[in-house]
Amino acid sequence: MHQYIRKLLYVICILLMSCTQNTNKIMKENNPVVYFEIPVTDLERAQKFYSHVFGFRFEKEIIDDYEMLLFPFEETGSGISGALAKGDVYQPTQKGVILYFRTQDIDLTLEKVLEKGGKILYPKTLNEKHGFAVAEFEDSEGNRIAIHQAL
């Protein structure tokens, strides 16, 4: 009987370790995107646009000979960060990946987009079932950008 209990405890320990390893593996696979770059042709114009629309402050850097304006970033915060990026490899586009920026007020954000010459590409749309609203706009550089508001 004593050996049976010892074997049972051994199996339980192995299973627990396995679960922990799988949980760690799953956690590492969640939120796999860590950084983004938004292509721009006029860094100053893009900085004014994003600062006006979202209130962002940027940090200017030169990385691999490319001009970058880094978005705000906190190591312990949620979400990802990135940069406005200027260089020959960066071409603004409305095709491809769409980034969603969080906003507290989609209507106000869209007003600010229009004030800075942006265009609304997809109007505010509510998804009450899932508790959010989204919209898409063209930024000052011609990129398709989306916004998301929790309801």
C-alpha atoms as a PDB file:
ATOM      1  CA  MET A   1       0.000   0.000   0.000  1.00  0.00           C
ATOM      2  CA  HIS A   2       2.827   2.378   0.922  1.00  0.00           C
ATOM      3  CA  GLN A   3       4.496   1.802  -2.461  1.00  0.00           C
ATOM      4  CA  TYR A   4       1.183   2.430  -4.246  1.00  0.00           C
ATOM      5  CA  ILE A   5       0.821   5.818  -2.533  1.00  0.00           C
ATOM      6  CA  ARG A   6       4.425   6.704  -3.372  1.00  0.00           C
ATOM      7  CA  LYS A   7       3.849   5.813  -7.066  1.00  0.00           C
ATOM      8  CA  LEU A   8       0.604   7.779  -7.076  1.00  0.00           C
ATOM      9  CA  LEU A   9       2.355  10.831  -5.596  1.00  0.00           C
ATOM     10  CA  TYR A  10       5.139  10.439  -8.157  1.00  0.00           C
ATOM     11  CA  VAL A  11       2.616  10.387 -11.035  1.00  0.00           C
ATOM     12  CA  ILE A  12       0.785  13.392  -9.591  1.00  0.00           C
ATOM     13  CA  CYS A  13       4.067  15.323  -9.318  1.00  0.00           C
ATOM     14  CA  ILE A  14       4.957  14.507 -12.923  1.00  0.00           C
ATOM     15  CA  LEU A  15       1.509  15.582 -14.082  1.00  0.00           C
ATOM     16  CA  LEU A  16       1.743  18.835 -12.123  1.00  0.00           C
ATOM     17  CA  MET A  17       5.174  19.568 -13.573  1.00  0.00           C
ATOM     18  CA  SER A  18       3.842  18.782 -17.020  1.00  0.00           C
ATOM     19  CA  CYS A  19       0.905  21.137 -16.511  1.00  0.00           C
ATOM     20  CA  THR A  20       3.234  23.883 -15.295  1.00  0.00           C
ATOM     21  CA  GLN A  21       5.495  23.418 -18.311  1.00  0.00           C
ATOM     22  CA  ASN A  22       2.505  23.474 -20.667  1.00  0.00           C
ATOM     23  CA  THR A  23       1.092  26.551 -18.933  1.00  0.00           C
ATOM     24  CA  ASN A  24       4.433  28.330 -19.287  1.00  0.00           C
ATOM     25  CA  LYS A  25       4.589  27.314 -22.939  1.00  0.00           C
ATOM     26  CA  ILE A  26       1.057  28.575 -23.537  1.00  0.00           C
ATOM     27  CA  MET A  27       1.805  31.830 -21.735  1.00  0.00           C
ATOM     28  CA  LYS A  28       4.851  32.355 -23.927  1.00  0.00           C
ATOM     29  CA  GLU A  29       2.722  31.808 -27.021  1.00  0.00           C
ATOM     30  CA  ASN A  30       0.058  34.361 -26.001  1.00  0.00           C
ATOM     31  CA  ASN A  31       0.448  37.947 -27.229  1.00  0.00           C
ATOM     32  CA  PRO A  32       3.258  37.030 -29.628  1.00  0.00           C
ATOM     33  CA  VAL A  33       3.432  40.473 -31.282  1.00  0.00           C
ATOM     34  CA  VAL A  34       5.884  42.712 -29.432  1.00  0.00           C
ATOM     35  CA  TYR A  35       6.598  45.667 -31.738  1.00  0.00           C
ATOM     36  CA  PHE A  36       5.262  47.461 -34.820  1.00  0.00           C
ATOM     37  CA  GLU A  37       6.443  50.147 -37.236  1.00  0.00           C
ATOM     38  CA  ILE A  38       4.116  52.487 -39.105  1.00  0.00           C
ATOM     39  CA  PRO A  39       5.651  53.653 -42.404  1.00  0.00           C
ATOM     40  CA  VAL A  40       5.807  57.414 -42.944  1.00  0.00           C
ATOM     41  CA  THR A  41       7.138  59.703 -45.649  1.00  0.00           C
ATOM     42  CA  ASP A  42       7.105  62.919 -43.579  1.00  0.00           C
ATOM     43  CA  LEU A  43       8.161  62.270 -39.986  1.00  0.00           C
ATOM     44  CA  GLU A  44       7.271  65.735 -38.705  1.00  0.00           C
ATOM     45  CA  ARG A  45       3.787  65.659 -40.258  1.00  0.00           C
ATOM     46  CA  ALA A  46       3.146  62.164 -38.875  1.00  0.00           C
ATOM     47  CA  GLN A  47       4.335  63.214 -35.416  1.00  0.00           C
ATOM     48  CA  LYS A  48       1.943  66.174 -35.413  1.00  0.00           C
ATOM     49  CA  PHE A  49      -0.900  63.944 -36.597  1.00  0.00           C
ATOM     50  CA  TYR A  50      -0.459  61.197 -33.979  1.00  0.00           C
ATOM     51  CA  SER A  51       0.270  63.691 -31.201  1.00  0.00           C
ATOM     52  CA  HIS A  52      -2.924  65.598 -32.017  1.00  0.00           C
ATOM     53  CA  VAL A  53      -5.146  62.551 -32.470  1.00  0.00           C
ATOM     54  CA  PHE A  54      -3.935  60.480 -29.504  1.00  0.00           C
ATOM     55  CA  GLY A  55      -1.884  62.866 -27.366  1.00  0.00           C
ATOM     56  CA  PHE A  56       1.275  60.761 -27.815  1.00  0.00           C
ATOM     57  CA  ARG A  57       4.759  62.059 -27.063  1.00  0.00           C
ATOM     58  CA  PHE A  58       7.521  60.491 -29.093  1.00  0.00           C
ATOM     59  CA  GLU A  59      11.196  59.789 -28.570  1.00  0.00           C
ATOM     60  CA  LYS A  60      13.333  60.280 -31.684  1.00  0.00           C
ATOM     61  CA  GLU A  61      15.920  57.613 -32.523  1.00  0.00           C
ATOM     62  CA  ILE A  62      18.065  56.605 -35.472  1.00  0.00           C
ATOM     63  CA  ILE A  63      18.025  52.810 -35.818  1.00  0.00           C
ATOM     64  CA  ASP A  64      20.028  51.170 -38.615  1.00  0.00           C
ATOM     65  CA  ASP A  65      20.156  54.554 -40.396  1.00  0.00           C
ATOM     66  CA  TYR A  66      16.348  54.879 -40.327  1.00  0.00           C
ATOM     67  CA  GLU A  67      14.598  57.762 -38.595  1.00  0.00           C
ATOM     68  CA  MET A  68      12.184  56.540 -35.930  1.00  0.00           C
ATOM     69  CA  LEU A  69       9.770  58.201 -33.560  1.00  0.00           C
ATOM     70  CA  LEU A  70       9.135  55.724 -30.756  1.00  0.00           C
ATOM     71  CA  PHE A  71       5.652  55.486 -29.268  1.00  0.00           C
ATOM     72  CA  PRO A  72       5.324  55.618 -25.468  1.00  0.00           C
ATOM     73  CA  PHE A  73       6.266  52.349 -23.795  1.00  0.00           C
ATOM     74  CA  GLU A  74       6.155  50.990 -20.254  1.00  0.00           C
ATOM     75  CA  GLU A  75       7.790  47.643 -19.580  1.00  0.00           C
ATOM     76  CA  THR A  76       5.071  46.628 -17.114  1.00  0.00           C
ATOM     77  CA  GLY A  77       2.142  48.016 -19.123  1.00  0.00           C
ATOM     78  CA  SER A  78      -0.198  46.003 -21.291  1.00  0.00           C
ATOM     79  CA  GLY A  79      -0.169  46.074 -25.066  1.00  0.00           C
ATOM     80  CA  ILE A  80       2.723  46.589 -27.445  1.00  0.00           C
ATOM     81  CA  SER A  81       4.632  49.595 -28.647  1.00  0.00           C
ATOM     82  CA  GLY A  82       6.284  50.638 -31.859  1.00  0.00           C
ATOM     83  CA  ALA A  83       7.470  53.535 -33.941  1.00  0.00           C
ATOM     84  CA  LEU A  84       6.713  55.853 -36.796  1.00  0.00           C
ATOM     85  CA  ALA A  85       9.429  54.830 -39.258  1.00  0.00           C
ATOM     86  CA  LYS A  86      10.909  56.704 -42.217  1.00  0.00           C
ATOM     87  CA  GLY A  87      13.212  55.165 -44.796  1.00  0.00           C
ATOM     88  CA  ASP A  88      13.377  53.593 -48.222  1.00  0.00           C
ATOM     89  CA  VAL A  89      11.975  50.267 -46.942  1.00  0.00           C
ATOM     90  CA  TYR A  90       8.937  51.942 -45.349  1.00  0.00           C
ATOM     91  CA  GLN A  91       6.016  52.512 -47.715  1.00  0.00           C
ATOM     92  CA  PRO A  92       2.677  53.773 -46.329  1.00  0.00           C
ATOM     93  CA  THR A  93      -0.252  51.592 -47.388  1.00  0.00           C
ATOM     94  CA  GLN A  94      -3.913  50.840 -46.829  1.00  0.00           C
ATOM     95  CA  LYS A  95      -3.331  47.173 -47.657  1.00  0.00           C
ATOM     96  CA  GLY A  96      -2.014  44.598 -45.240  1.00  0.00           C
ATOM     97  CA  VAL A  97      -1.876  44.539 -41.458  1.00  0.00           C
ATOM     98  CA  ILE A  98      -4.213  46.882 -39.578  1.00  0.00           C
ATOM     99  CA  LEU A  99      -3.159  48.181 -36.168  1.00  0.00           C
ATOM    100  CA  TYR A 100      -5.842  48.956 -33.583  1.00  0.00           C
ATOM    101  CA  PHE A 101      -5.173  51.773 -31.137  1.00  0.00           C
ATOM    102  CA  ARG A 102      -7.172  51.930 -27.916  1.00  0.00           C
ATOM    103  CA  THR A 103      -9.285  55.036 -27.355  1.00  0.00           C
ATOM    104  CA  GLN A 104     -11.690  56.137 -24.649  1.00  0.00           C
ATOM    105  CA  ASP A 105     -13.876  58.056 -27.132  1.00  0.00           C
ATOM    106  CA  ILE A 106     -14.055  56.972 -30.776  1.00  0.00           C
ATOM    107  CA  ASP A 107     -16.164  59.957 -31.816  1.00  0.00           C
ATOM    108  CA  LEU A 108     -13.673  62.469 -30.403  1.00  0.00           C
ATOM    109  CA  THR A 109     -10.744  60.561 -31.902  1.00  0.00           C
ATOM    110  CA  LEU A 110     -12.369  60.577 -35.357  1.00  0.00           C
ATOM    111  CA  GLU A 111     -12.991  64.339 -35.037  1.00  0.00           C
ATOM    112  CA  LYS A 112      -9.291  64.834 -34.339  1.00  0.00           C
ATOM    113  CA  VAL A 113      -8.391  62.646 -37.339  1.00  0.00           C
ATOM    114  CA  LEU A 114     -10.469  64.897 -39.599  1.00  0.00           C
ATOM    115  CA  GLU A 115      -8.986  68.053 -38.036  1.00  0.00           C
ATOM    116  CA  LYS A 116      -5.518  66.883 -39.103  1.00  0.00           C
ATOM    117  CA  GLY A 117      -6.544  65.966 -42.650  1.00  0.00           C
ATOM    118  CA  GLY A 118      -7.147  62.254 -42.150  1.00  0.00           C
ATOM    119  CA  LYS A 119     -10.062  60.413 -43.757  1.00  0.00           C
ATOM    120  CA  ILE A 120     -12.593  58.056 -42.216  1.00  0.00           C
ATOM    121  CA  LEU A 121     -12.412  54.738 -44.086  1.00  0.00           C
ATOM    122  CA  TYR A 122     -14.746  52.665 -41.891  1.00  0.00           C
ATOM    123  CA  PRO A 123     -17.185  54.543 -39.658  1.00  0.00           C
ATOM    124  CA  LYS A 124     -17.757  53.805 -35.996  1.00  0.00           C
ATOM    125  CA  THR A 125     -19.357  50.382 -35.714  1.00  0.00           C
ATOM    126  CA  LEU A 126     -20.719  48.945 -32.473  1.00  0.00           C
ATOM    127  CA  ASN A 127     -20.400  45.315 -31.499  1.00  0.00           C
ATOM    128  CA  GLU A 128     -22.620  45.220 -28.441  1.00  0.00           C
ATOM    129  CA  LYS A 129     -22.443  41.440 -28.175  1.00  0.00           C
ATOM    130  CA  HIS A 130     -18.703  41.624 -27.503  1.00  0.00           C
ATOM    131  CA  GLY A 131     -18.722  45.059 -25.863  1.00  0.00           C
ATOM    132  CA  PHE A 132     -16.648  47.217 -28.170  1.00  0.00           C
ATOM    133  CA  ALA A 133     -16.757  49.730 -31.005  1.00  0.00           C
ATOM    134  CA  VAL A 134     -14.262  50.129 -33.862  1.00  0.00           C
ATOM    135  CA  ALA A 135     -13.523  52.509 -36.707  1.00  0.00           C
ATOM    136  CA  GLU A 136     -10.780  52.882 -39.320  1.00  0.00           C
ATOM    137  CA  PHE A 137      -9.128  55.963 -40.777  1.00  0.00           C
ATOM    138  CA  GLU A 138      -6.369  57.022 -43.123  1.00  0.00           C
ATOM    139  CA  ASP A 139      -3.544  58.770 -41.290  1.00  0.00           C
ATOM    140  CA  SER A 140      -1.511  61.726 -42.567  1.00  0.00           C
ATOM    141  CA  GLU A 141       0.763  59.341 -44.467  1.00  0.00           C
ATOM    142  CA  GLY A 142      -1.874  57.218 -46.209  1.00  0.00           C
ATOM    143  CA  ASN A 143      -1.858  54.244 -43.800  1.00  0.00           C
ATOM    144  CA  ARG A 144      -5.042  52.439 -42.747  1.00  0.00           C
ATOM    145  CA  ILE A 145      -5.224  52.625 -38.950  1.00  0.00           C
ATOM    146  CA  ALA A 146      -8.020  51.371 -36.687  1.00  0.00           C
ATOM    147  CA  ILE A 147      -9.275  52.436 -33.279  1.00  0.00           C
ATOM    148  CA  HIS A 148     -10.986  50.352 -30.610  1.00  0.00           C
ATOM    149  CA  GLN A 149     -13.163  51.463 -27.708  1.00  0.00           C
ATOM    150  CA  ALA A 150     -14.411  49.182 -24.953  1.00  0.00           C
ATOM    151  CA  LEU A 151     -18.093  49.820 -24.214  1.00  0.00           C
END
